[in-house]
Amino acid sequence: MHFLKHLLGSKKIQDPPDLVLGRHTDAFKSKAQKALWERAVKAYEEGQPLEAYRWVLEHLAGGNPRSVSWEERNGELHFQLRQGSQRITGSIGPQGVRAESRLAQAQTLSVSFMRRLMEYNYDLKFCHFALAPDNTLVLCFETTADDASPLKVVEALREVALWADKHDDLLLSEFKALTPAEDLRMEIASAEREAKYAFLERQIRAAFSLMDHNTPKVEQYAGAYAYLLLALLYRIDYLVRPEGFVLNVLEKASQAYFTQDGQSTYSKVMALRRQLQQILDRPRELVLAELYRTESTFGIALPVSFEDLVKQIECEKNAVEWPLEQGYGMLAMAVPQYLVGHALFHTVPPKPVYELFRLFMRITETEFFQALGLQTFVGSNGQLDKRAVVAAIHDHAARHRAAYPNYKPQTQLLDFSSLPRFGKTFLEMVCRLDVKEQQR
C-alpha cells in the first residue's frame, strides 16, 4: 500500500489544527442541532419557556462550549455567547429575556460618539445602544416573556452579536476617549502575523504595479481590473482574516462596487484602488494589532442555492479567455479567484461546494502558505502537482459521499497547463457537480 501511494504520488497535505481561514459560518446545522430547534419550538408552544431556551442554547452551541455556555440559577438561565472580540451576556426568566454586550468604556462623555450611537440605533431592529451608569457603551436587547419566541430571541441575539463585534474596534479607532471594556482576542504567533501582513502588502502593491504599467490600459479594460481588485479584497479577507479598520475597508469597498449608482466601471475600479490604499497608508503596527483569532456563534453570510451559484459562474468564467490569450496571466487568474472569493465572502454555498472552494484556495494560494511554512500543492518544477491535487479532491469527495451519494467531482476536466486554465476548468468541474442530499 505504501508502495502504491508513492507510485501514484498522492501526498496528503495536512495543516495545523489552529490554522483558521475564512469567515465563521453557522449555516451548516447537524441533524442533532435541527432536532434541538424543533424541541425548543415545541416546548415554547407548550408553555415551557425555560425548557425551550435550554434547547435553543444547545442548538446555538453546536457542541462548542467555548462559544456558548449557560447555567441555571434561581429559576433563570444565565448565558454567555462569544462573537469575535465581544462577549454577549444575558438572562432568561419569568420576566422575559435580556442580553447585552459591553463595547467600550468612555473616559469622558463626548457629543460626537453619543451622536454616532443614536444614529446607529435607527439601523437596529431588535437592540439599541445605551450608556451604563459607569459610562460603558452597551448594546442591549430586552423583551417580555410573552413576546420571546425562540425565533425572535435568536434573531435578536444575532443582531447584538454581529453589531457589537463589528463596531467595537471601529468606535475605539475613531474616538480616542474610548477604551476597551473587555478584550477577548486570542493572540496568534508573531511570525504568523508578520507573514500575513507581508502577504497583504505584497498583494496590494503587485496589483497596483500592474495598473501603473498600464498594460493593458485601465481605462479601456476596466472590467479586467475590477476582477483583479475584487479578487484581492476577498483573498485578503479569507486568508489574512483582519478585524477592525481593515475588515471595514474590505466590506465597504465591496459594497460600494456593487451599488447601483450610475458610475462607470472605471470610476468604481479607481474607487477600489483608493480604498485599498487606505490599508497601505495605515500604520503597520495598527494593522498587525487587528490580526488575532476569535470564537464566534453567528455567521454573517447567508446560504446560496447551488443553481444560483452555477448561474454566476457560467455567466463570468469565460472572462478568463481574453487576458489569457493576451498573456496577462495575473488578470486571467483573477476571474476564478474572484468567483470563488465572492462566494466565500458574500454567501455560503452547499457544504461540499463550500469545502471544495476552500480547497481551491488551499491549492492556488501558494505564496501565502509558503510564507506560513506549510506544504503546498506545487511540485519541484514550480507547477501544480497534478497527482497531489487530484488526490486531495478525491479525498474531499469521499468525506461527503455518504450525505451526497452522487457527489463525484470530474477531475479529468482539470487543465494543469497554467494556473488560469486550472482555475477555469475547476469552476467548470464545479458546475457539473450533483449536490443532491441522500433522501432519508
Protein backbone atom coordinates (compact mmCIF):
# COMPACT_ATOMS: atom_id res chain seq x y z
CA MET A 1 0.00 0.00 0.00
CA HIS A 2 2.81 2.43 0.86
CA PHE A 3 4.49 1.50 -2.45
CA LEU A 4 1.27 2.24 -4.37
CA LYS A 5 0.86 5.60 -2.66
CA HIS A 6 4.43 6.50 -3.56
CA LEU A 7 3.92 5.31 -7.14
CA LEU A 8 0.76 7.35 -7.54
CA GLY A 9 2.35 10.39 -5.97
CA SER A 10 -0.57 11.02 -3.61
CA LYS A 11 0.91 13.12 -0.83
CA LYS A 12 -1.58 14.20 1.80
CA ILE A 13 -1.23 17.83 2.84
CA GLN A 14 -2.36 18.44 6.40
CA ASP A 15 -2.48 21.84 8.04
CA PRO A 16 -2.12 22.55 11.77
CA PRO A 17 -5.45 22.43 13.62
CA ASP A 18 -5.14 26.06 14.77
CA LEU A 19 -4.96 27.44 11.22
CA VAL A 20 -8.21 29.39 10.81
CA LEU A 21 -9.20 30.59 7.34
CA GLY A 22 -12.27 32.40 6.08
CA ARG A 23 -15.34 33.71 7.82
CA HIS A 24 -17.18 31.85 10.52
CA THR A 25 -20.44 30.31 9.32
CA ASP A 26 -23.32 28.81 11.26
CA ALA A 27 -25.15 27.70 8.12
CA PHE A 28 -24.36 24.01 8.43
CA LYS A 29 -26.59 22.67 11.19
CA SER A 30 -26.26 19.00 12.11
CA LYS A 31 -29.29 16.73 12.39
CA ALA A 32 -28.87 16.92 16.16
CA GLN A 33 -28.95 20.72 16.10
CA LYS A 34 -32.07 20.74 13.92
CA ALA A 35 -33.75 18.33 16.33
CA LEU A 36 -32.86 20.61 19.25
CA TRP A 37 -34.51 23.54 17.48
CA GLU A 38 -37.69 21.55 16.92
CA ARG A 39 -37.74 20.63 20.61
CA ALA A 40 -37.29 24.28 21.54
CA VAL A 41 -40.20 25.45 19.40
CA LYS A 42 -42.45 22.70 20.72
CA ALA A 43 -41.56 23.40 24.36
CA TYR A 44 -42.25 27.13 23.90
CA GLU A 45 -45.62 26.42 22.30
CA GLU A 46 -46.45 24.15 25.24
CA GLY A 47 -45.77 26.93 27.74
CA GLN A 48 -42.34 25.74 28.93
CA PRO A 49 -40.07 28.73 28.13
CA LEU A 50 -37.08 27.71 30.28
CA GLU A 51 -37.08 24.25 28.76
CA ALA A 52 -37.38 25.82 25.32
CA TYR A 53 -34.35 28.04 25.85
CA ARG A 54 -32.20 25.25 27.17
CA TRP A 55 -32.72 23.62 23.79
CA VAL A 56 -32.13 26.94 22.00
CA LEU A 57 -28.76 27.42 23.73
CA GLU A 58 -27.72 23.85 22.97
CA HIS A 59 -28.77 24.42 19.36
CA LEU A 60 -26.59 27.55 19.15
CA ALA A 61 -23.63 25.91 20.86
CA GLY A 62 -23.49 23.07 18.36
CA GLY A 63 -21.27 21.13 20.71
CA ASN A 64 -18.79 24.02 21.15
CA PRO A 65 -18.81 25.16 24.82
CA ARG A 66 -16.21 27.83 24.03
CA SER A 67 -18.74 29.85 22.01
CA VAL A 68 -21.91 29.30 24.10
CA SER A 69 -22.27 28.47 27.79
CA TRP A 70 -25.02 28.80 30.41
CA GLU A 71 -26.17 27.83 33.88
CA GLU A 72 -29.44 27.87 35.76
CA ARG A 73 -29.72 29.97 38.93
CA ASN A 74 -32.85 30.81 40.93
CA GLY A 75 -35.22 29.79 38.16
CA GLU A 76 -33.38 31.73 35.45
CA LEU A 77 -30.97 30.76 32.69
CA HIS A 78 -27.81 32.90 32.65
CA PHE A 79 -25.85 32.59 29.42
CA GLN A 80 -22.78 33.83 27.58
CA LEU A 81 -22.12 33.91 23.84
CA ARG A 82 -18.82 34.65 22.12
CA GLN A 83 -18.77 36.65 18.90
CA GLY A 84 -15.35 37.72 17.74
CA SER A 85 -13.86 40.15 20.23
CA GLN A 86 -17.17 40.51 22.10
CA ARG A 87 -18.97 38.63 24.85
CA ILE A 88 -22.78 38.71 24.97
CA THR A 89 -24.26 38.00 28.39
CA GLY A 90 -27.88 37.64 29.33
CA SER A 91 -30.63 36.00 31.30
CA ILE A 92 -33.92 34.27 30.55
CA GLY A 93 -36.61 34.02 33.20
CA PRO A 94 -40.28 34.54 34.04
CA GLN A 95 -39.98 38.28 33.41
CA GLY A 96 -38.50 37.90 29.94
CA VAL A 97 -35.17 37.91 28.12
CA ARG A 98 -32.28 40.36 28.39
CA ALA A 99 -28.93 40.34 26.63
CA GLU A 100 -26.12 42.87 26.35
CA SER A 101 -22.61 43.36 25.03
CA ARG A 102 -20.23 45.90 26.56
CA LEU A 103 -18.35 47.60 23.73
CA ALA A 104 -16.19 50.29 25.28
CA GLN A 105 -15.58 52.41 28.37
CA ALA A 106 -15.90 56.19 27.99
CA GLN A 107 -13.27 58.13 29.90
CA THR A 108 -15.16 61.33 29.13
CA LEU A 109 -18.58 61.77 27.55
CA SER A 110 -18.39 63.11 24.03
CA VAL A 111 -21.23 64.51 21.95
CA SER A 112 -19.61 63.05 18.82
CA PHE A 113 -19.67 59.39 19.79
CA MET A 114 -23.03 59.70 21.58
CA ARG A 115 -24.49 61.13 18.38
CA ARG A 116 -22.96 58.23 16.46
CA LEU A 117 -24.68 55.72 18.75
CA MET A 118 -28.03 57.46 18.28
CA GLU A 119 -27.55 57.20 14.51
CA TYR A 120 -26.76 53.50 14.84
CA ASN A 121 -29.98 52.98 16.80
CA TYR A 122 -32.02 53.90 13.73
CA ASP A 123 -30.46 50.97 11.83
CA LEU A 124 -31.18 48.37 14.51
CA LYS A 125 -34.26 46.17 14.52
CA PHE A 126 -34.17 44.42 17.91
CA CYS A 127 -31.50 46.05 20.05
CA HIS A 128 -30.22 49.53 20.92
CA PHE A 129 -27.11 51.27 22.18
CA ALA A 130 -27.19 52.60 25.71
CA LEU A 131 -24.87 54.16 28.28
CA ALA A 132 -24.43 52.27 31.56
CA PRO A 133 -24.02 54.19 34.88
CA ASP A 134 -20.23 53.63 34.75
CA ASN A 135 -20.09 55.21 31.25
CA THR A 136 -19.77 51.88 29.46
CA LEU A 137 -21.25 51.76 25.96
CA VAL A 138 -23.64 48.82 25.86
CA LEU A 139 -25.56 47.22 23.02
CA CYS A 140 -28.60 45.58 24.60
CA PHE A 141 -31.83 43.73 23.88
CA GLU A 142 -34.78 43.01 26.14
CA THR A 143 -38.27 41.69 25.69
CA THR A 144 -41.11 40.41 27.85
CA ALA A 145 -41.79 36.71 28.36
CA ASP A 146 -44.97 36.73 26.27
CA ASP A 147 -43.07 38.16 23.28
CA ALA A 148 -39.98 35.94 23.45
CA SER A 149 -40.44 33.26 20.82
CA PRO A 150 -37.27 31.25 20.07
CA LEU A 151 -37.06 32.69 16.56
CA LYS A 152 -37.29 36.31 17.75
CA VAL A 153 -34.74 35.84 20.51
CA VAL A 154 -32.21 34.07 18.28
CA GLU A 155 -32.51 36.82 15.65
CA ALA A 156 -32.11 39.46 18.36
CA LEU A 157 -29.04 37.73 19.78
CA ARG A 158 -27.63 37.52 16.26
CA GLU A 159 -28.09 41.27 15.81
CA VAL A 160 -26.47 42.08 19.16
CA ALA A 161 -23.54 39.77 18.44
CA LEU A 162 -22.82 40.86 14.87
CA TRP A 163 -23.23 44.57 15.52
CA ALA A 164 -21.15 44.55 18.69
CA ASP A 165 -18.32 42.63 17.07
CA LYS A 166 -18.31 44.87 14.01
CA HIS A 167 -18.46 48.21 15.78
CA ASP A 168 -16.28 47.87 18.87
CA ASP A 169 -12.96 48.22 17.02
CA LEU A 170 -14.37 50.94 14.77
CA LEU A 171 -15.54 53.05 17.71
CA LEU A 172 -12.25 52.59 19.55
CA SER A 173 -10.30 53.56 16.44
CA GLU A 174 -12.35 56.70 15.77
CA PHE A 175 -12.91 58.06 19.28
CA LYS A 176 -9.84 58.38 21.48
CA ALA A 177 -11.95 58.94 24.60
CA LEU A 178 -12.97 55.26 24.46
CA THR A 179 -11.05 52.30 25.84
CA PRO A 180 -11.88 48.58 25.52
CA ALA A 181 -14.45 47.31 28.02
CA GLU A 182 -13.15 43.76 27.64
CA ASP A 183 -10.59 42.05 25.45
CA LEU A 184 -11.43 38.51 24.28
CA ARG A 185 -8.93 38.40 21.42
CA MET A 186 -6.72 35.34 21.18
CA GLU A 187 -3.23 36.27 20.07
CA ILE A 188 -1.67 34.49 17.12
CA ALA A 189 2.04 33.84 16.81
CA SER A 190 4.13 36.86 15.87
CA ALA A 191 5.57 35.02 12.87
CA GLU A 192 2.06 34.32 11.55
CA ARG A 193 1.04 37.97 11.98
CA GLU A 194 4.16 39.17 10.19
CA ALA A 195 3.67 36.69 7.33
CA LYS A 196 0.04 37.76 6.91
CA TYR A 197 0.93 41.45 6.88
CA ALA A 198 3.74 40.89 4.36
CA PHE A 199 1.35 38.91 2.12
CA LEU A 200 -1.31 41.62 2.35
CA GLU A 201 1.14 44.38 1.48
CA ARG A 202 2.81 42.48 -1.40
CA GLN A 203 -0.51 41.53 -2.96
CA ILE A 204 -1.85 45.09 -2.93
CA ARG A 205 1.38 46.54 -4.29
CA ALA A 206 1.53 43.89 -7.04
CA ALA A 207 -1.98 44.79 -8.17
CA PHE A 208 -1.17 48.50 -8.14
CA SER A 209 2.05 47.88 -10.08
CA LEU A 210 0.09 46.09 -12.81
CA MET A 211 -2.30 49.03 -13.03
CA ASP A 212 0.53 51.54 -13.12
CA HIS A 213 2.26 49.77 -16.00
CA ASN A 214 -0.99 50.40 -17.86
CA THR A 215 -0.72 47.24 -19.95
CA PRO A 216 -3.50 46.72 -20.76
CA LYS A 217 -4.86 50.21 -20.16
CA VAL A 218 -7.12 50.52 -17.13
CA GLU A 219 -9.36 52.99 -18.94
CA GLN A 220 -10.05 50.57 -21.81
CA TYR A 221 -10.18 47.29 -19.86
CA ALA A 222 -11.61 48.39 -16.52
CA GLY A 223 -13.64 45.18 -16.19
CA ALA A 224 -10.46 43.07 -16.07
CA TYR A 225 -9.06 45.24 -13.30
CA ALA A 226 -12.36 45.04 -11.43
CA TYR A 227 -11.90 41.27 -11.25
CA LEU A 228 -8.32 41.83 -10.08
CA LEU A 229 -9.12 44.19 -7.20
CA LEU A 230 -12.29 42.44 -6.05
CA ALA A 231 -10.49 39.08 -6.05
CA LEU A 232 -7.76 40.73 -3.98
CA LEU A 233 -10.30 42.03 -1.45
CA TYR A 234 -11.81 38.60 -1.00
CA ARG A 235 -8.44 36.80 -0.74
CA ILE A 236 -7.26 39.19 1.94
CA ASP A 237 -10.49 38.61 3.86
CA TYR A 238 -10.25 34.82 3.55
CA LEU A 239 -6.53 34.30 4.13
CA VAL A 240 -5.47 37.17 6.40
CA ARG A 241 -8.77 37.47 8.32
CA PRO A 242 -8.28 41.07 9.51
CA GLU A 243 -10.55 42.70 12.06
CA GLY A 244 -11.44 46.31 12.80
CA PHE A 245 -10.41 49.02 10.34
CA VAL A 246 -9.06 46.76 7.60
CA LEU A 247 -12.11 44.50 7.65
CA ASN A 248 -14.37 47.55 7.47
CA VAL A 249 -12.46 48.84 4.42
CA LEU A 250 -12.87 45.49 2.65
CA GLU A 251 -16.59 45.28 3.37
CA LYS A 252 -17.32 48.89 2.40
CA ALA A 253 -15.24 48.61 -0.78
CA SER A 254 -17.11 45.51 -1.94
CA GLN A 255 -20.48 47.01 -1.07
CA ALA A 256 -19.69 50.28 -2.88
CA TYR A 257 -18.61 48.48 -6.05
CA PHE A 258 -21.91 46.64 -6.38
CA THR A 259 -24.09 49.63 -5.52
CA GLN A 260 -26.18 50.72 -8.50
CA ASP A 261 -25.19 54.38 -8.57
CA GLY A 262 -24.64 55.04 -12.26
CA GLN A 263 -20.84 55.26 -12.03
CA SER A 264 -18.70 53.74 -14.77
CA THR A 265 -16.70 50.57 -14.18
CA TYR A 266 -13.51 52.63 -14.48
CA SER A 267 -14.66 55.00 -11.72
CA LYS A 268 -15.53 52.08 -9.49
CA VAL A 269 -12.15 50.43 -10.12
CA MET A 270 -10.32 53.61 -9.14
CA ALA A 271 -12.50 53.86 -6.01
CA LEU A 272 -11.48 50.27 -5.13
CA ARG A 273 -7.85 51.27 -5.52
CA ARG A 274 -8.26 54.29 -3.22
CA GLN A 275 -9.89 52.09 -0.59
CA LEU A 276 -7.08 49.53 -0.76
CA GLN A 277 -4.59 52.37 -0.50
CA GLN A 278 -6.10 53.18 2.90
CA ILE A 279 -4.82 49.81 4.12
CA LEU A 280 -1.29 50.56 2.88
CA ASP A 281 -1.45 54.01 4.48
CA ARG A 282 -2.50 52.64 7.86
CA PRO A 283 0.45 52.34 10.27
CA ARG A 284 1.86 48.83 10.17
CA GLU A 285 1.59 48.30 13.93
CA LEU A 286 -2.14 49.12 13.84
CA VAL A 287 -2.79 46.57 11.11
CA LEU A 288 -0.78 43.94 13.00
CA ALA A 289 -2.90 44.66 16.10
CA GLU A 290 -6.01 43.78 14.08
CA LEU A 291 -4.74 40.28 13.29
CA TYR A 292 -5.93 37.93 16.00
CA ARG A 293 -8.07 34.83 16.50
CA THR A 294 -11.61 34.72 17.86
CA GLU A 295 -14.52 32.39 18.64
CA SER A 296 -17.93 33.11 17.14
CA THR A 297 -21.51 31.90 17.47
CA PHE A 298 -23.12 33.50 14.43
CA GLY A 299 -22.09 33.83 10.80
CA ILE A 300 -22.76 36.82 8.56
CA ALA A 301 -23.18 35.32 5.10
CA LEU A 302 -26.44 33.72 4.00
CA PRO A 303 -26.76 30.40 2.14
CA VAL A 304 -26.91 30.45 -1.67
CA SER A 305 -28.53 27.75 -3.79
CA PHE A 306 -26.29 25.65 -5.99
CA GLU A 307 -28.36 26.66 -9.03
CA ASP A 308 -27.78 30.39 -8.41
CA LEU A 309 -24.08 29.78 -7.83
CA VAL A 310 -23.76 27.91 -11.12
CA LYS A 311 -25.55 30.74 -12.97
CA GLN A 312 -22.99 33.26 -11.74
CA ILE A 313 -20.06 31.00 -12.64
CA GLU A 314 -21.42 30.27 -16.11
CA CYS A 315 -22.02 33.96 -16.69
CA GLU A 316 -18.48 35.06 -15.83
CA LYS A 317 -15.98 32.20 -16.15
CA ASN A 318 -15.23 32.91 -19.83
CA ALA A 319 -13.80 36.29 -18.85
CA VAL A 320 -10.58 34.29 -18.33
CA GLU A 321 -10.07 33.88 -22.06
CA TRP A 322 -9.16 37.34 -23.35
CA PRO A 323 -6.46 38.22 -20.77
CA LEU A 324 -5.04 34.69 -21.04
CA GLU A 325 -4.79 34.92 -24.84
CA GLN A 326 -3.04 38.30 -24.50
CA GLY A 327 -0.54 36.95 -21.99
CA TYR A 328 -1.93 38.75 -18.93
CA GLY A 329 -1.85 35.78 -16.57
CA MET A 330 -2.48 37.77 -13.40
CA LEU A 331 -5.66 39.31 -14.85
CA ALA A 332 -6.80 35.92 -16.18
CA MET A 333 -6.32 34.18 -12.83
CA ALA A 334 -8.25 36.99 -11.11
CA VAL A 335 -11.50 35.72 -12.67
CA PRO A 336 -11.65 32.31 -10.91
CA GLN A 337 -10.15 33.91 -7.80
CA TYR A 338 -12.98 36.44 -7.85
CA LEU A 339 -15.72 33.85 -8.37
CA VAL A 340 -14.51 31.62 -5.55
CA GLY A 341 -13.72 34.58 -3.27
CA HIS A 342 -17.09 36.24 -3.91
CA ALA A 343 -18.89 33.01 -2.99
CA LEU A 344 -16.96 32.65 0.27
CA PHE A 345 -17.25 36.36 1.19
CA HIS A 346 -20.92 37.03 0.45
CA THR A 347 -22.61 33.64 0.66
CA VAL A 348 -22.44 30.11 1.99
CA PRO A 349 -22.64 27.51 -0.82
CA PRO A 350 -23.90 23.96 -0.13
CA LYS A 351 -21.48 22.25 2.24
CA PRO A 352 -19.48 20.10 -0.19
CA VAL A 353 -19.07 23.02 -2.61
CA TYR A 354 -18.15 25.35 0.26
CA GLU A 355 -15.38 22.97 1.29
CA LEU A 356 -14.30 22.45 -2.32
CA PHE A 357 -13.89 26.22 -2.71
CA ARG A 358 -11.80 26.25 0.47
CA LEU A 359 -9.65 23.53 -1.09
CA PHE A 360 -9.28 25.70 -4.23
CA MET A 361 -7.86 28.46 -2.04
CA ARG A 362 -5.52 25.98 -0.39
CA ILE A 363 -4.29 24.71 -3.77
CA THR A 364 -3.84 28.03 -5.57
CA GLU A 365 -2.56 30.43 -2.90
CA THR A 366 0.96 29.02 -2.84
CA GLU A 367 2.69 32.24 -1.76
CA PHE A 368 0.55 32.58 1.35
CA PHE A 369 1.01 29.04 2.59
CA GLN A 370 4.71 29.04 1.82
CA ALA A 371 5.04 32.18 3.94
CA LEU A 372 3.43 30.28 6.83
CA GLY A 373 5.93 27.47 6.37
CA LEU A 374 3.29 24.95 5.24
CA GLN A 375 3.30 22.38 2.45
CA THR A 376 1.92 23.48 -0.89
CA PHE A 377 0.50 21.78 -3.98
CA VAL A 378 3.40 22.93 -6.15
CA GLY A 379 5.91 20.37 -7.40
CA SER A 380 9.65 20.68 -7.86
CA ASN A 381 9.09 22.11 -11.36
CA GLY A 382 7.18 25.08 -9.93
CA GLN A 383 3.86 23.90 -11.39
CA LEU A 384 0.82 22.48 -9.65
CA ASP A 385 1.36 18.86 -8.62
CA LYS A 386 -1.43 17.19 -10.59
CA ARG A 387 -1.44 13.95 -8.63
CA ALA A 388 -1.49 15.72 -5.27
CA VAL A 389 -4.33 17.99 -6.37
CA VAL A 390 -6.43 15.14 -7.77
CA ALA A 391 -5.81 13.04 -4.67
CA ALA A 392 -6.93 15.93 -2.42
CA ILE A 393 -10.14 16.42 -4.41
CA HIS A 394 -10.93 12.69 -4.32
CA ASP A 395 -10.28 12.60 -0.57
CA HIS A 396 -12.57 15.61 -0.15
CA ALA A 397 -15.32 13.92 -2.21
CA ALA A 398 -15.06 10.69 -0.22
CA ARG A 399 -15.79 12.56 3.02
CA HIS A 400 -19.11 13.77 1.57
CA ARG A 401 -20.18 10.63 -0.27
CA ALA A 402 -22.46 9.31 2.49
CA ALA A 403 -24.58 12.50 2.61
CA TYR A 404 -24.25 13.27 -1.12
CA PRO A 405 -24.14 9.88 -2.90
CA ASN A 406 -23.78 11.36 -6.41
CA TYR A 407 -21.15 13.91 -5.46
CA LYS A 408 -18.30 12.95 -7.80
CA PRO A 409 -16.03 15.80 -8.99
CA GLN A 410 -14.87 15.04 -12.52
CA THR A 411 -11.16 15.70 -12.04
CA GLN A 412 -10.47 14.60 -15.62
CA LEU A 413 -11.82 18.01 -16.67
CA LEU A 414 -8.97 19.85 -14.92
CA ASP A 415 -6.37 21.51 -17.13
CA PHE A 416 -2.99 21.88 -15.41
CA SER A 417 -1.23 23.69 -18.27
CA SER A 418 -1.43 27.02 -16.40
CA LEU A 419 -2.93 28.38 -13.21
CA PRO A 420 -5.70 30.34 -15.02
CA ARG A 421 -6.60 27.24 -17.05
CA PHE A 422 -6.75 25.22 -13.86
CA GLY A 423 -8.96 27.89 -12.28
CA LYS A 424 -11.42 27.96 -15.17
CA THR A 425 -11.65 24.18 -15.52
CA PHE A 426 -12.02 23.84 -11.75
CA LEU A 427 -15.11 26.05 -11.97
CA GLU A 428 -16.41 24.02 -14.92
CA MET A 429 -15.98 20.91 -12.78
CA VAL A 430 -17.98 22.61 -10.00
CA CYS A 431 -20.83 23.42 -12.39
CA ARG A 432 -21.23 19.72 -13.25
CA LEU A 433 -21.50 18.53 -9.65
CA ASP A 434 -24.53 16.74 -8.27
CA VAL A 435 -25.12 18.05 -4.75
CA LYS A 436 -28.46 16.41 -4.03
CA GLU A 437 -28.50 15.08 -0.49
CA GLN A 438 -29.28 11.49 0.44
CA GLN A 439 -33.03 11.01 0.84
CA ARG A 440 -33.95 9.59 4.23
